[in-house]
Amino acid sequence: MPIPRLALLLALLLAPGPRPPTASVPRGPPGDAVPTGARPCAQHTGRCRRFCFAHEIQRGHFGCPRRYRCCVPKL
């Protein structure tokens, strides 16, 4: 026996909507590795970040956590 259309419409209307994003995790500026401050890397000349800024170059993953890059300022 198929479910009546009215029951389906009622279920869709009463279903909860999407949850709002949580603000419990502090976020740093875009491109910063760690919200509390970037970790030093590459013999203390670079910073671990998710993405390097335009004035920086990527020097690998020396001492950085997973998915982070060592960004060194261009000379």
N, C-alpha and C. Protein backbone atom coordinates (compact mmCIF):
# COMPACT_ATOMS: atom_id res chain seq x y z
N MET A 1 0.84 -1.17 0.00
CA MET A 1 0.00 0.00 0.00
C MET A 1 0.89 1.25 0.00
N PRO A 2 0.77 2.13 -0.98
CA PRO A 2 1.62 3.31 -1.05
C PRO A 2 1.28 4.33 0.04
N ILE A 3 2.28 5.11 0.41
CA ILE A 3 2.09 6.15 1.43
C ILE A 3 1.34 7.32 0.79
N PRO A 4 0.33 7.83 1.45
CA PRO A 4 -0.43 8.95 0.87
C PRO A 4 0.46 10.19 0.67
N ARG A 5 0.15 10.94 -0.34
CA ARG A 5 0.93 12.14 -0.66
C ARG A 5 0.84 13.18 0.46
N LEU A 6 -0.30 13.26 1.10
CA LEU A 6 -0.46 14.23 2.17
C LEU A 6 0.49 13.93 3.33
N ALA A 7 0.69 12.65 3.64
CA ALA A 7 1.61 12.27 4.72
C ALA A 7 3.05 12.63 4.35
N LEU A 8 3.43 12.45 3.08
CA LEU A 8 4.78 12.81 2.64
C LEU A 8 4.99 14.32 2.71
N LEU A 9 4.02 15.09 2.27
CA LEU A 9 4.13 16.54 2.33
C LEU A 9 4.22 17.03 3.76
N LEU A 10 3.43 16.44 4.63
CA LEU A 10 3.45 16.83 6.04
C LEU A 10 4.80 16.50 6.67
N ALA A 11 5.36 15.35 6.32
CA ALA A 11 6.66 14.96 6.86
C ALA A 11 7.76 15.91 6.38
N LEU A 12 7.69 16.35 5.12
CA LEU A 12 8.68 17.28 4.60
C LEU A 12 8.56 18.66 5.24
N LEU A 13 7.34 19.08 5.49
CA LEU A 13 7.14 20.40 6.09
C LEU A 13 7.56 20.44 7.56
N LEU A 14 7.41 19.34 8.26
CA LEU A 14 7.74 19.30 9.68
C LEU A 14 9.19 18.89 9.95
N ALA A 15 9.91 18.50 8.92
CA ALA A 15 11.31 18.07 9.10
C ALA A 15 12.15 19.28 9.51
N PRO A 16 13.12 19.08 10.40
CA PRO A 16 13.97 20.20 10.80
C PRO A 16 14.86 20.65 9.64
N GLY A 17 15.14 21.93 9.60
CA GLY A 17 15.98 22.50 8.54
C GLY A 17 17.45 22.25 8.82
N PRO A 18 18.30 22.82 8.00
CA PRO A 18 19.74 22.64 8.21
C PRO A 18 20.19 23.33 9.50
N ARG A 19 21.18 22.72 10.15
CA ARG A 19 21.69 23.28 11.39
C ARG A 19 22.61 24.46 11.10
N PRO A 20 22.58 25.48 11.95
CA PRO A 20 23.49 26.61 11.74
C PRO A 20 24.92 26.20 12.06
N PRO A 21 25.91 26.85 11.45
CA PRO A 21 27.30 26.49 11.74
C PRO A 21 27.66 26.80 13.18
N THR A 22 28.49 25.94 13.75
CA THR A 22 28.90 26.15 15.14
C THR A 22 30.06 27.14 15.18
N ALA A 23 30.06 27.97 16.18
CA ALA A 23 31.12 28.97 16.35
C ALA A 23 32.01 28.62 17.53
N SER A 24 32.08 27.34 17.89
CA SER A 24 32.85 26.94 19.06
C SER A 24 34.35 26.87 18.76
N VAL A 25 34.73 26.70 17.49
CA VAL A 25 36.14 26.59 17.13
C VAL A 25 36.64 27.97 16.73
N PRO A 26 37.63 28.51 17.44
CA PRO A 26 38.15 29.82 17.03
C PRO A 26 38.90 29.71 15.72
N ARG A 27 38.71 30.64 14.85
CA ARG A 27 39.34 30.62 13.53
C ARG A 27 40.32 31.78 13.42
N GLY A 28 41.46 31.52 12.80
CA GLY A 28 42.45 32.55 12.57
C GLY A 28 42.20 33.22 11.22
N PRO A 29 43.09 34.07 10.79
CA PRO A 29 42.94 34.69 9.48
C PRO A 29 43.09 33.65 8.38
N PRO A 30 42.53 33.88 7.19
CA PRO A 30 42.64 32.91 6.10
C PRO A 30 44.11 32.64 5.76
N GLY A 31 44.45 31.37 5.62
CA GLY A 31 45.81 30.99 5.28
C GLY A 31 46.68 30.71 6.49
N ASP A 32 46.23 31.06 7.68
CA ASP A 32 47.02 30.81 8.87
C ASP A 32 46.87 29.35 9.26
N ALA A 33 47.95 28.75 9.74
CA ALA A 33 47.94 27.32 10.03
C ALA A 33 47.19 27.01 11.31
N VAL A 34 47.53 27.66 12.38
CA VAL A 34 46.98 27.37 13.69
C VAL A 34 46.29 28.63 14.18
N PRO A 35 45.05 28.55 14.70
CA PRO A 35 44.37 29.76 15.16
C PRO A 35 45.14 30.52 16.24
N THR A 36 45.92 29.84 17.06
CA THR A 36 46.65 30.51 18.13
C THR A 36 47.97 31.09 17.65
N GLY A 37 48.36 30.84 16.41
CA GLY A 37 49.64 31.32 15.89
C GLY A 37 50.31 30.23 15.08
N ALA A 38 51.00 30.58 14.03
CA ALA A 38 51.62 29.60 13.15
C ALA A 38 52.87 29.03 13.80
N ARG A 39 53.14 27.76 13.56
CA ARG A 39 54.32 27.10 14.12
C ARG A 39 55.54 27.42 13.27
N PRO A 40 56.71 27.56 13.88
CA PRO A 40 57.91 27.80 13.08
C PRO A 40 58.36 26.51 12.39
N CYS A 41 59.03 26.67 11.25
CA CYS A 41 59.53 25.52 10.49
C CYS A 41 60.75 25.97 9.68
N ALA A 42 61.39 25.06 9.00
CA ALA A 42 62.54 25.32 8.12
C ALA A 42 63.61 26.14 8.84
N GLN A 43 64.09 25.61 9.95
CA GLN A 43 65.13 26.25 10.76
C GLN A 43 64.70 27.65 11.21
N HIS A 44 63.43 27.78 11.61
CA HIS A 44 62.87 29.00 12.19
C HIS A 44 62.80 30.18 11.22
N THR A 45 62.85 29.94 9.91
CA THR A 45 62.70 31.05 8.96
C THR A 45 61.32 31.05 8.31
N GLY A 46 60.55 29.99 8.50
CA GLY A 46 59.23 29.91 7.87
C GLY A 46 58.15 29.65 8.89
N ARG A 47 56.92 29.56 8.40
CA ARG A 47 55.75 29.30 9.24
C ARG A 47 54.91 28.21 8.61
N CYS A 48 54.33 27.34 9.44
CA CYS A 48 53.44 26.29 8.97
C CYS A 48 52.07 26.90 8.70
N ARG A 49 51.60 26.79 7.48
CA ARG A 49 50.30 27.33 7.11
C ARG A 49 49.60 26.34 6.18
N ARG A 50 48.27 26.46 6.09
CA ARG A 50 47.53 25.64 5.14
C ARG A 50 47.83 26.09 3.72
N PHE A 51 47.88 27.40 3.50
CA PHE A 51 48.18 27.97 2.18
C PHE A 51 49.16 29.12 2.38
N CYS A 52 50.13 29.22 1.50
CA CYS A 52 51.12 30.29 1.60
C CYS A 52 50.53 31.58 1.05
N PHE A 53 50.95 32.70 1.65
CA PHE A 53 50.53 34.01 1.15
C PHE A 53 51.29 34.33 -0.15
N ALA A 54 50.89 35.40 -0.83
CA ALA A 54 51.48 35.76 -2.12
C ALA A 54 52.96 36.12 -1.98
N HIS A 55 53.36 36.68 -0.85
CA HIS A 55 54.75 37.09 -0.66
C HIS A 55 55.61 35.96 -0.07
N GLU A 56 55.09 34.72 -0.05
CA GLU A 56 55.82 33.58 0.50
C GLU A 56 55.96 32.49 -0.55
N ILE A 57 56.95 31.63 -0.35
CA ILE A 57 57.11 30.45 -1.21
C ILE A 57 57.06 29.22 -0.33
N GLN A 58 56.67 28.10 -0.93
CA GLN A 58 56.55 26.84 -0.19
C GLN A 58 57.89 26.13 -0.18
N ARG A 59 58.34 25.74 1.02
CA ARG A 59 59.62 25.05 1.17
C ARG A 59 59.45 23.60 1.59
N GLY A 60 58.29 23.03 1.42
CA GLY A 60 58.07 21.65 1.80
C GLY A 60 57.21 21.53 3.04
N HIS A 61 57.45 20.46 3.80
CA HIS A 61 56.64 20.18 4.99
C HIS A 61 57.53 19.96 6.20
N PHE A 62 58.63 20.70 6.30
CA PHE A 62 59.62 20.48 7.36
C PHE A 62 59.04 20.80 8.72
N GLY A 63 58.78 19.79 9.53
CA GLY A 63 58.30 20.00 10.88
C GLY A 63 56.87 20.48 11.01
N CYS A 64 56.11 20.43 9.94
CA CYS A 64 54.72 20.89 9.97
C CYS A 64 53.78 19.70 10.13
N PRO A 65 52.62 19.92 10.74
CA PRO A 65 51.64 18.84 10.84
C PRO A 65 51.09 18.46 9.47
N ARG A 66 50.34 17.39 9.44
CA ARG A 66 49.76 16.89 8.20
C ARG A 66 48.90 17.97 7.53
N ARG A 67 48.96 18.05 6.22
CA ARG A 67 48.21 18.99 5.38
C ARG A 67 48.64 20.45 5.55
N TYR A 68 49.78 20.69 6.16
CA TYR A 68 50.30 22.05 6.31
C TYR A 68 51.61 22.17 5.54
N ARG A 69 51.90 23.37 5.07
CA ARG A 69 53.11 23.62 4.30
C ARG A 69 54.02 24.56 5.08
N CYS A 70 55.29 24.49 4.78
CA CYS A 70 56.24 25.42 5.37
C CYS A 70 56.40 26.59 4.41
N CYS A 71 55.92 27.75 4.80
CA CYS A 71 55.94 28.94 3.95
C CYS A 71 57.04 29.88 4.42
N VAL A 72 57.93 30.24 3.49
CA VAL A 72 59.08 31.10 3.79
C VAL A 72 58.93 32.38 2.98
N PRO A 73 59.20 33.55 3.59
CA PRO A 73 59.12 34.81 2.82
C PRO A 73 60.11 34.83 1.66
N LYS A 74 59.67 35.41 0.54
CA LYS A 74 60.57 35.56 -0.61
C LYS A 74 61.63 36.60 -0.30
N LEU A 75 62.81 36.40 -0.84
CA LEU A 75 63.89 37.36 -0.59
C LEU A 75 64.01 38.35 -1.71
